[in-house]
Protein backbone atom coordinates (compact mmCIF):
# COMPACT_ATOMS: atom_id res chain seq x y z
CA UNK A 1 19.51 -1.85 -16.06
CA UNK A 2 19.89 -2.43 -12.33
CA UNK A 3 17.38 -3.42 -9.68
CA UNK A 4 18.06 -2.79 -6.01
CA UNK A 5 16.36 -3.99 -2.87
CA UNK A 6 15.24 -1.07 -0.71
CA UNK A 7 17.44 -1.34 2.38
CA UNK A 8 17.43 0.91 5.42
CA UNK A 9 20.53 2.21 7.16
CA UNK A 10 18.52 2.94 10.33
CA UNK A 11 16.65 0.86 12.86
CA UNK A 12 13.00 0.29 12.01
CA UNK A 13 10.34 2.65 13.33
CA UNK A 14 6.97 1.81 14.80
CA UNK A 15 3.47 3.34 14.88
CA UNK A 16 2.35 5.00 18.11
CA UNK A 17 -0.73 3.30 19.55
CA UNK A 18 -2.26 3.62 23.01
CA UNK A 19 -5.39 1.51 23.09
CA UNK A 20 -6.41 -2.01 22.12
CA UNK A 21 -8.86 -0.51 19.61
CA UNK A 22 -5.98 1.32 17.90
CA UNK A 23 -3.90 -1.86 17.85
CA UNK A 24 -6.74 -3.73 16.15
CA UNK A 25 -7.41 -0.90 13.69
CA UNK A 26 -3.81 -0.62 12.50
CA UNK A 27 -3.39 -4.39 12.36
CA UNK A 28 -6.44 -4.52 10.12
CA UNK A 29 -5.47 -1.59 7.90
CA UNK A 30 -1.86 -2.75 7.43
CA UNK A 31 -3.11 -6.18 6.40
CA UNK A 32 -4.77 -4.51 3.39
CA UNK A 33 -1.58 -2.98 2.02
CA UNK A 34 -0.04 -4.16 -1.26
CA UNK A 35 -3.29 -5.43 -2.76
CA UNK A 36 -3.50 -2.83 -5.53
CA UNK A 37 -6.24 -0.90 -3.76
CA UNK A 38 -6.27 2.57 -2.28
CA UNK A 39 -6.86 2.96 1.44
CA UNK A 40 -7.14 6.73 1.92
CA UNK A 41 -10.86 6.58 2.71
CA UNK A 42 -10.17 4.28 5.68
CA UNK A 43 -6.89 5.80 6.80
CA UNK A 44 -6.48 7.42 10.23
CA UNK A 45 -3.12 9.21 10.57
CA UNK A 46 -0.90 8.37 13.51
CA UNK A 47 2.60 9.15 14.74
CA UNK A 48 5.58 7.12 13.62
CA UNK A 49 8.35 6.85 16.20
CA UNK A 50 12.02 6.12 15.60
CA UNK A 51 12.40 7.63 12.11
CA UNK A 52 13.09 11.26 13.07
CA UNK A 53 16.45 11.35 11.26
CA UNK A 54 15.43 9.48 8.10
CA UNK A 55 13.96 10.83 4.88
CA UNK A 56 13.12 7.24 3.97
CA UNK A 57 12.58 4.60 6.65
CA UNK A 58 10.60 1.50 7.35
CA UNK A 59 8.42 -0.16 9.92
CA UNK A 60 7.96 -3.93 10.20
CA UNK A 61 4.77 -5.60 11.37
CA UNK A 62 4.17 -9.36 11.20
CA UNK A 63 7.32 -9.81 9.07
CA UNK A 64 5.92 -7.41 6.44
CA UNK A 65 7.76 -4.16 5.74
CA UNK A 66 6.15 -0.77 5.15
CA UNK A 67 7.96 2.35 3.97
CA UNK A 68 7.73 5.89 5.29
CA UNK A 69 9.03 8.98 3.47
CA UNK A 70 9.43 12.63 4.42
CA UNK A 71 7.97 15.59 2.55
CA UNK A 72 11.43 16.26 1.10
CA UNK A 73 11.67 12.71 -0.24
CA UNK A 74 8.17 12.85 -1.68
CA UNK A 75 8.90 16.08 -3.53
CA UNK A 76 11.97 14.75 -5.33
CA UNK A 77 10.70 11.21 -5.96
CA UNK A 78 7.19 12.22 -7.03
CA UNK A 79 7.90 12.37 -10.80
CA UNK A 80 9.28 8.84 -10.67
CA UNK A 81 6.85 7.00 -8.40
CA UNK A 82 3.57 8.95 -8.26
CA UNK A 83 1.68 6.37 -10.33
CA UNK A 84 3.07 3.48 -8.28
CA UNK A 85 2.03 4.54 -4.78
CA UNK A 86 -0.65 6.04 -2.59
CA UNK A 87 0.63 8.55 -0.03
CA UNK A 88 -1.05 8.14 3.35
CA UNK A 89 -0.31 11.17 5.56
CA UNK A 90 1.14 10.75 9.03
CA UNK A 91 1.23 13.09 12.01
CA UNK A 92 4.41 15.10 12.55
CA UNK A 93 5.92 16.41 15.77
CA UNK A 94 3.76 19.54 15.65
CA UNK A 95 0.67 17.30 15.68
CA UNK A 96 1.65 15.30 18.76
CA UNK A 97 -1.19 16.76 20.84
CA UNK A 98 -3.68 14.93 18.60
CA UNK A 99 -2.43 11.68 20.11
CA UNK A 100 -0.86 12.78 23.41
CA UNK A 101 -2.61 15.71 25.06
CA UNK A 102 -0.50 18.56 26.42
CA UNK A 103 -1.72 17.65 29.89
CA UNK A 104 -0.42 14.08 29.44
CA UNK A 105 2.86 15.37 28.02
CA UNK A 106 3.39 17.43 31.20
CA UNK A 107 2.05 14.94 33.70
CA UNK A 108 3.97 11.97 32.24
CA UNK A 109 6.96 13.86 30.91
CA UNK A 110 9.46 11.08 31.62
CA UNK A 111 7.33 8.64 29.66
CA UNK A 112 6.45 10.75 26.64
CA UNK A 113 9.43 13.07 26.14
CA UNK A 114 11.75 10.29 24.80
CA UNK A 115 8.98 9.11 22.47
CA UNK A 116 8.22 12.59 21.13
CA UNK A 117 11.90 13.20 20.45
CA UNK A 118 11.86 10.32 17.93
CA UNK A 119 9.04 11.80 15.83
CA UNK A 120 10.02 13.48 12.56
CA UNK A 121 9.62 17.28 12.45
CA UNK A 122 8.52 17.18 8.79
CA UNK A 123 5.31 15.86 7.30
CA UNK A 124 5.74 12.15 6.57
CA UNK A 125 3.78 9.69 4.45
CA UNK A 126 3.27 5.97 4.62
CA UNK A 127 3.60 4.42 1.16
CA UNK A 128 0.89 2.07 0.04
CA UNK A 129 2.70 0.60 -2.95
CA UNK A 130 0.20 -0.12 -5.72
CA UNK A 131 2.67 -1.43 -8.30
CA UNK A 132 2.45 -5.11 -7.39
CA UNK A 133 4.03 -7.56 -9.81
CA UNK A 134 3.56 -11.32 -10.08
CA UNK A 135 6.29 -13.93 -10.37
CA UNK A 136 5.87 -13.69 -14.17
CA UNK A 137 8.47 -10.90 -14.19
CA UNK A 138 11.11 -13.27 -12.80
CA UNK A 139 13.54 -15.05 -15.09
CA UNK A 140 13.39 -18.51 -13.54
CA UNK A 141 16.28 -19.89 -15.59
CA UNK A 142 18.71 -17.23 -14.38
CA UNK A 143 17.46 -17.15 -10.79
CA UNK A 144 18.57 -19.37 -7.93
CA UNK A 145 15.85 -20.42 -5.48
CA UNK A 146 13.49 -23.26 -4.62
CA UNK A 147 10.02 -23.22 -6.15
CA UNK A 148 6.80 -25.02 -5.23
CA UNK A 149 4.53 -25.11 -8.28
CA UNK A 150 1.46 -26.15 -6.30
CA UNK A 151 1.08 -22.73 -4.69
CA UNK A 152 3.62 -20.65 -6.64
CA UNK A 153 5.81 -20.25 -3.54
CA UNK A 154 9.40 -19.10 -4.00
CA UNK A 155 11.69 -19.80 -1.07
CA UNK A 156 15.37 -20.24 -0.12
CA UNK A 157 16.19 -17.30 -2.40
CA UNK A 158 19.86 -16.92 -3.28
CA UNK A 159 19.52 -14.93 -6.52
CA UNK A 160 16.69 -13.30 -8.44
CA UNK A 161 16.86 -12.34 -12.10
CA UNK A 162 14.21 -10.37 -13.97
CA UNK A 163 12.86 -10.26 -17.48
CA UNK A 164 13.87 -6.74 -18.60
CA UNK A 165 10.92 -6.14 -20.90
CA UNK A 166 8.50 -6.76 -18.00
CA UNK A 167 10.01 -4.18 -15.66
CA UNK A 168 10.75 -1.44 -18.18
CA UNK A 169 10.09 2.04 -16.73
CA UNK A 170 9.36 0.47 -13.35
CA UNK A 171 10.99 2.30 -10.44
CA UNK A 172 9.30 1.01 -7.29
CA UNK A 173 7.51 -2.31 -6.97
CA UNK A 174 6.80 -5.37 -4.88
CA UNK A 175 6.28 -8.97 -5.96
CA UNK A 176 3.18 -10.83 -4.87
CA UNK A 177 4.29 -14.26 -3.71
CA UNK A 178 3.60 -16.39 -0.61
CA UNK A 179 7.33 -16.74 0.05
CA UNK A 180 8.51 -14.93 3.21
CA UNK A 181 11.40 -13.33 1.28
CA UNK A 182 8.95 -11.10 -0.58
CA UNK A 183 7.22 -9.81 2.56
CA UNK A 184 10.36 -7.89 3.41
CA UNK A 185 11.48 -7.12 -0.14
CA UNK A 186 10.72 -3.89 -2.00
CA UNK A 187 12.50 -3.26 -5.28
CA UNK A 188 13.69 -0.02 -6.86
CA UNK A 189 15.37 1.04 -10.09
CA UNK A 190 18.78 2.60 -10.53
CA UNK A 191 17.02 5.91 -11.32
CA UNK A 192 15.38 5.83 -7.88
CA UNK A 193 18.79 5.22 -6.28
CA UNK A 194 20.31 8.11 -8.25
CA UNK A 195 17.63 10.57 -7.07
CA UNK A 196 18.16 9.47 -3.47
CA UNK A 197 21.90 10.05 -3.72
CA UNK A 198 21.75 13.31 -5.68
CA UNK A 199 19.33 14.83 -3.17
CA UNK A 200 21.16 13.47 -0.12
CA UNK A 201 18.08 11.68 1.19
CA UNK A 202 18.86 9.91 4.44
CA UNK A 203 17.81 6.48 5.61
CA UNK A 204 18.94 4.12 2.84
CA UNK A 205 22.13 2.30 2.02
CA UNK A 206 23.38 0.80 -1.22
CA UNK A 207 26.04 -1.87 -1.75
CA UNK A 208 26.86 -4.09 -4.72
CA UNK A 209 27.98 -6.94 -2.45
CA UNK A 210 25.97 -10.17 -2.36
CA UNK A 211 22.89 -10.08 -0.13
CA UNK A 212 24.53 -12.58 2.25
CA UNK A 213 27.30 -10.01 2.72
CA UNK A 214 24.95 -7.09 3.32
CA UNK A 215 24.58 -5.96 -0.28
CA UNK A 216 21.34 -4.98 -1.98
CA UNK A 217 22.05 -4.89 -5.72
CA UNK A 218 19.63 -7.64 -6.71
CA UNK A 219 20.11 -7.83 -10.46
CA UNK A 220 21.70 -6.09 -13.44
CA UNK A 221 21.44 -6.78 -17.13
């Protein structure tokens, strides 16, 4: 068994917002991710810029990472992760006029053309990961980090080991912990990695080197 940390090979993308109201809305909605609750009823699709060449990419807001996948990636990963995520639809390049009117696109061409060129042509989805684990899945004896028992905070992480029986048949998950390491850590199985590679999905990289050396193989039993 192997567990990898989801690692992008591209720069991070960002949501397109134009008004202060939109900034406040997305700040509020993103703050509700990863709490084991669905958000579709509140979700308002937007454009994601900067991920036009990636089947799987990420955006980072307030040190927390969020993952975006293309329709192609969803189709091939669906059997593996459908019960672990909620797919929140995004706007694609053909939907740009919903956010930037054609009049604005023409009038402010120099401003908007470079932005529009970084929007994915396919349907994309933001992943609200519902499979949230606690630190109970971690093998503390085999791991190497500092731990504060008073608030269950794990920090200064050098190595994480898992208890195999507690992550059996788990292919995409996050760990709920106050430590900053876990805000930007999403974990996947070797089966997930294999599907990505077999289907030539773009946007991720895999290396067995130590994390300090740019690797993302977190643990193997």
